[in-house]
Amino acid sequence: MSDEQIAPDAAGRANRRKVREGLVVSDRMESTVVVAVVERVRHPRYGKTVQRTKRLYVHDADNAAKVGDRVRVAETRPLSKLKRWRLTEIVERAR
């Protein structure tokens, strides 16, 4: 396959890491927060939009995020048995 056939955005890094945005639901652990990410998908048969929630264990080295904060997380290498995500930024603080 020649270079002309490759898409322009694929010329850089082919497999980008996933980035998600969610709400911190637990900060009880040391340097770990639990983030609930809501995904809206259409039901395959009935077409109705349904919400699916995933709880991600996120590495927070500074213990900066608190419950209720909206955060952005990025996929990373496995950091423990459950942690596969790293905190990149706190989008909005809880009021």
N, C-alpha and C. Protein backbone atom coordinates (compact mmCIF):
# COMPACT_ATOMS: atom_id res chain seq x y z
N MET A 1 0.84 -1.18 0.00
CA MET A 1 0.00 0.00 0.00
C MET A 1 0.89 1.24 0.00
N SER A 2 0.64 2.15 -0.92
CA SER A 2 1.48 3.34 -1.03
C SER A 2 1.00 4.42 -0.08
N ASP A 3 1.80 5.49 0.06
CA ASP A 3 1.48 6.58 0.98
C ASP A 3 0.27 7.38 0.54
N GLU A 4 -0.06 7.39 -0.75
CA GLU A 4 -1.20 8.16 -1.24
C GLU A 4 -2.52 7.59 -0.73
N GLN A 5 -2.55 6.27 -0.46
CA GLN A 5 -3.80 5.63 -0.06
C GLN A 5 -4.10 5.76 1.42
N ILE A 6 -3.14 6.21 2.23
CA ILE A 6 -3.35 6.36 3.67
C ILE A 6 -4.07 7.67 3.94
N ALA A 7 -5.06 7.63 4.82
CA ALA A 7 -5.81 8.85 5.17
C ALA A 7 -4.87 9.87 5.80
N PRO A 8 -5.14 11.18 5.60
CA PRO A 8 -4.24 12.21 6.12
C PRO A 8 -4.05 12.17 7.63
N ASP A 9 -5.13 11.86 8.39
CA ASP A 9 -4.97 11.84 9.84
C ASP A 9 -4.29 10.57 10.32
N ALA A 10 -4.24 9.54 9.50
CA ALA A 10 -3.58 8.29 9.88
C ALA A 10 -2.07 8.36 9.66
N ALA A 11 -1.59 9.44 9.04
CA ALA A 11 -0.16 9.57 8.79
C ALA A 11 0.61 9.74 10.10
N GLY A 12 -0.05 10.35 11.11
CA GLY A 12 0.58 10.51 12.43
C GLY A 12 0.51 9.21 13.20
N ARG A 13 0.04 9.28 14.41
CA ARG A 13 -0.09 8.10 15.23
C ARG A 13 -1.38 7.37 14.87
N ALA A 14 -1.27 6.11 14.53
CA ALA A 14 -2.42 5.37 14.01
C ALA A 14 -3.49 5.12 15.07
N ASN A 15 -3.10 4.68 16.27
CA ASN A 15 -4.08 4.28 17.28
C ASN A 15 -4.05 5.26 18.45
N ARG A 16 -4.94 6.24 18.42
CA ARG A 16 -5.00 7.23 19.49
C ARG A 16 -5.59 6.61 20.75
N ARG A 17 -5.19 7.12 21.91
CA ARG A 17 -5.75 6.63 23.17
C ARG A 17 -7.12 7.23 23.39
N LYS A 18 -8.01 6.45 23.97
CA LYS A 18 -9.38 6.91 24.21
C LYS A 18 -9.38 8.00 25.27
N VAL A 19 -10.25 8.98 25.09
CA VAL A 19 -10.45 10.05 26.06
C VAL A 19 -11.94 10.08 26.39
N ARG A 20 -12.27 10.13 27.68
CA ARG A 20 -13.66 10.16 28.12
C ARG A 20 -13.85 11.30 29.11
N GLU A 21 -15.10 11.73 29.26
CA GLU A 21 -15.44 12.76 30.24
C GLU A 21 -16.54 12.20 31.13
N GLY A 22 -16.39 12.41 32.44
CA GLY A 22 -17.39 11.86 33.35
C GLY A 22 -17.41 12.57 34.68
N LEU A 23 -18.18 12.02 35.61
CA LEU A 23 -18.40 12.61 36.92
C LEU A 23 -17.74 11.74 37.98
N VAL A 24 -17.00 12.38 38.90
CA VAL A 24 -16.36 11.63 39.99
C VAL A 24 -17.44 11.20 40.98
N VAL A 25 -17.53 9.89 41.23
CA VAL A 25 -18.53 9.38 42.16
C VAL A 25 -17.91 8.89 43.47
N SER A 26 -16.59 8.70 43.50
CA SER A 26 -15.92 8.28 44.73
C SER A 26 -14.47 8.75 44.72
N ASP A 27 -14.02 9.28 45.88
CA ASP A 27 -12.61 9.66 46.03
C ASP A 27 -12.05 9.11 47.34
N ARG A 28 -12.60 8.01 47.80
CA ARG A 28 -12.21 7.43 49.09
C ARG A 28 -10.82 6.80 49.06
N MET A 29 -10.36 6.35 47.90
CA MET A 29 -9.09 5.64 47.82
C MET A 29 -7.92 6.62 47.70
N GLU A 30 -6.74 6.13 47.99
CA GLU A 30 -5.52 6.93 47.88
C GLU A 30 -5.07 6.93 46.42
N SER A 31 -4.96 8.13 45.84
CA SER A 31 -4.52 8.36 44.46
C SER A 31 -5.38 7.63 43.41
N THR A 32 -6.63 7.36 43.73
CA THR A 32 -7.57 6.75 42.79
C THR A 32 -8.94 7.38 42.97
N VAL A 33 -9.60 7.68 41.86
CA VAL A 33 -10.99 8.12 41.91
C VAL A 33 -11.81 7.23 40.99
N VAL A 34 -13.10 7.11 41.28
CA VAL A 34 -14.01 6.36 40.44
C VAL A 34 -14.84 7.36 39.66
N VAL A 35 -14.82 7.24 38.34
CA VAL A 35 -15.51 8.18 37.46
C VAL A 35 -16.63 7.44 36.71
N ALA A 36 -17.83 7.99 36.77
CA ALA A 36 -18.97 7.42 36.05
C ALA A 36 -19.07 8.11 34.70
N VAL A 37 -18.97 7.33 33.63
CA VAL A 37 -19.05 7.84 32.27
C VAL A 37 -20.37 7.38 31.68
N VAL A 38 -21.19 8.32 31.22
CA VAL A 38 -22.49 8.00 30.63
C VAL A 38 -22.36 7.99 29.12
N GLU A 39 -22.81 6.91 28.51
CA GLU A 39 -22.77 6.75 27.06
C GLU A 39 -24.20 6.63 26.57
N ARG A 40 -24.55 7.39 25.56
CA ARG A 40 -25.90 7.30 24.98
C ARG A 40 -25.82 6.51 23.68
N VAL A 41 -26.56 5.41 23.63
CA VAL A 41 -26.58 4.56 22.43
C VAL A 41 -28.02 4.27 22.03
N ARG A 42 -28.22 4.03 20.75
CA ARG A 42 -29.55 3.68 20.27
C ARG A 42 -29.76 2.18 20.43
N HIS A 43 -30.93 1.81 20.90
CA HIS A 43 -31.25 0.40 21.07
C HIS A 43 -31.30 -0.27 19.70
N PRO A 44 -30.65 -1.43 19.54
CA PRO A 44 -30.56 -2.04 18.22
C PRO A 44 -31.92 -2.39 17.59
N ARG A 45 -32.88 -2.83 18.39
CA ARG A 45 -34.18 -3.21 17.83
C ARG A 45 -35.20 -2.07 17.86
N TYR A 46 -35.30 -1.39 19.00
CA TYR A 46 -36.39 -0.44 19.18
C TYR A 46 -36.02 1.00 18.83
N GLY A 47 -34.75 1.28 18.65
CA GLY A 47 -34.34 2.60 18.20
C GLY A 47 -34.34 3.67 19.27
N LYS A 48 -34.83 3.34 20.47
CA LYS A 48 -34.87 4.32 21.55
C LYS A 48 -33.45 4.57 22.07
N THR A 49 -33.14 5.81 22.41
CA THR A 49 -31.84 6.14 22.98
C THR A 49 -31.82 5.75 24.45
N VAL A 50 -30.82 4.95 24.82
CA VAL A 50 -30.69 4.51 26.21
C VAL A 50 -29.33 4.95 26.75
N GLN A 51 -29.27 5.14 28.07
CA GLN A 51 -28.02 5.54 28.70
C GLN A 51 -27.35 4.32 29.31
N ARG A 52 -26.05 4.19 29.06
CA ARG A 52 -25.26 3.14 29.69
C ARG A 52 -24.18 3.83 30.52
N THR A 53 -24.02 3.39 31.76
CA THR A 53 -23.03 3.99 32.66
C THR A 53 -21.90 3.00 32.90
N LYS A 54 -20.68 3.48 32.76
CA LYS A 54 -19.50 2.69 33.06
C LYS A 54 -18.76 3.36 34.21
N ARG A 55 -18.28 2.59 35.17
CA ARG A 55 -17.49 3.13 36.26
C ARG A 55 -16.02 2.84 35.98
N LEU A 56 -15.23 3.88 35.78
CA LEU A 56 -13.81 3.73 35.46
C LEU A 56 -12.97 4.05 36.69
N TYR A 57 -11.98 3.22 36.98
CA TYR A 57 -11.03 3.51 38.05
C TYR A 57 -9.90 4.33 37.45
N VAL A 58 -9.69 5.53 38.00
CA VAL A 58 -8.81 6.52 37.38
C VAL A 58 -7.68 6.87 38.34
N HIS A 59 -6.45 6.92 37.83
CA HIS A 59 -5.29 7.30 38.64
C HIS A 59 -5.26 8.82 38.80
N ASP A 60 -5.25 9.28 40.04
CA ASP A 60 -5.20 10.71 40.38
C ASP A 60 -4.06 10.89 41.37
N ALA A 61 -2.86 11.11 40.87
CA ALA A 61 -1.65 11.14 41.70
C ALA A 61 -1.70 12.20 42.80
N ASP A 62 -2.31 13.37 42.51
CA ASP A 62 -2.31 14.48 43.47
C ASP A 62 -3.53 14.48 44.37
N ASN A 63 -4.43 13.53 44.23
CA ASN A 63 -5.70 13.52 44.96
C ASN A 63 -6.44 14.84 44.79
N ALA A 64 -6.44 15.37 43.57
CA ALA A 64 -7.02 16.68 43.29
C ALA A 64 -8.53 16.61 43.06
N ALA A 65 -9.01 15.55 42.47
CA ALA A 65 -10.44 15.46 42.13
C ALA A 65 -11.26 15.07 43.35
N LYS A 66 -12.42 15.70 43.47
CA LYS A 66 -13.35 15.41 44.57
C LYS A 66 -14.68 14.95 43.99
N VAL A 67 -15.53 14.39 44.84
CA VAL A 67 -16.83 13.88 44.40
C VAL A 67 -17.65 15.02 43.80
N GLY A 68 -18.23 14.78 42.64
CA GLY A 68 -19.06 15.78 41.96
C GLY A 68 -18.32 16.55 40.87
N ASP A 69 -16.98 16.44 40.83
CA ASP A 69 -16.21 17.13 39.78
C ASP A 69 -16.43 16.47 38.44
N ARG A 70 -16.48 17.28 37.39
CA ARG A 70 -16.51 16.75 36.02
C ARG A 70 -15.06 16.70 35.55
N VAL A 71 -14.60 15.53 35.11
CA VAL A 71 -13.19 15.34 34.77
C VAL A 71 -13.04 14.73 33.39
N ARG A 72 -11.86 14.91 32.82
CA ARG A 72 -11.49 14.27 31.56
C ARG A 72 -10.40 13.25 31.87
N VAL A 73 -10.56 12.03 31.35
CA VAL A 73 -9.62 10.95 31.62
C VAL A 73 -9.11 10.37 30.30
N ALA A 74 -7.90 9.82 30.33
CA ALA A 74 -7.30 9.22 29.14
C ALA A 74 -6.89 7.80 29.44
N GLU A 75 -7.02 6.96 28.44
CA GLU A 75 -6.63 5.56 28.56
C GLU A 75 -5.12 5.47 28.72
N THR A 76 -4.67 4.50 29.52
CA THR A 76 -3.24 4.35 29.75
C THR A 76 -2.92 2.87 29.98
N ARG A 77 -1.67 2.57 30.24
CA ARG A 77 -1.28 1.19 30.51
C ARG A 77 -1.90 0.75 31.84
N PRO A 78 -2.01 -0.55 32.08
CA PRO A 78 -2.56 -1.00 33.36
C PRO A 78 -1.70 -0.52 34.53
N LEU A 79 -2.32 0.18 35.49
CA LEU A 79 -1.61 0.69 36.65
C LEU A 79 -1.85 -0.19 37.87
N SER A 80 -2.92 -0.95 37.87
CA SER A 80 -3.22 -1.91 38.93
C SER A 80 -4.23 -2.91 38.36
N LYS A 81 -4.83 -3.70 39.24
CA LYS A 81 -5.78 -4.70 38.77
C LYS A 81 -6.95 -4.07 38.02
N LEU A 82 -7.44 -2.92 38.49
CA LEU A 82 -8.61 -2.29 37.88
C LEU A 82 -8.31 -0.97 37.17
N LYS A 83 -7.21 -0.30 37.51
CA LYS A 83 -6.94 1.04 36.95
C LYS A 83 -6.32 0.96 35.57
N ARG A 84 -7.04 1.52 34.58
CA ARG A 84 -6.53 1.60 33.21
C ARG A 84 -6.67 3.01 32.66
N TRP A 85 -6.99 3.98 33.50
CA TRP A 85 -7.24 5.35 33.07
C TRP A 85 -6.45 6.31 33.94
N ARG A 86 -6.11 7.47 33.37
CA ARG A 86 -5.34 8.49 34.08
C ARG A 86 -6.07 9.82 33.97
N LEU A 87 -6.11 10.57 35.07
CA LEU A 87 -6.77 11.87 35.10
C LEU A 87 -5.95 12.87 34.29
N THR A 88 -6.57 13.52 33.29
CA THR A 88 -5.85 14.51 32.50
C THR A 88 -6.18 15.93 32.93
N GLU A 89 -7.47 16.19 33.21
CA GLU A 89 -7.83 17.52 33.69
C GLU A 89 -9.17 17.51 34.40
N ILE A 90 -9.33 18.50 35.27
CA ILE A 90 -10.61 18.71 35.94
C ILE A 90 -11.34 19.79 35.15
N VAL A 91 -12.41 19.40 34.47
CA VAL A 91 -13.14 20.31 33.59
C VAL A 91 -13.95 21.31 34.40
N GLU A 92 -14.65 20.80 35.43
CA GLU A 92 -15.53 21.67 36.23
C GLU A 92 -15.54 21.16 37.66
N ARG A 93 -15.36 22.06 38.61
CA ARG A 93 -15.40 21.72 40.03
C ARG A 93 -16.85 21.58 40.51
N ALA A 94 -17.04 20.73 41.51
CA ALA A 94 -18.37 20.56 42.10
C ALA A 94 -18.74 21.81 42.88
N ARG A 95 -20.04 22.17 42.85
CA ARG A 95 -20.47 23.36 43.60
C ARG A 95 -20.95 23.01 44.96
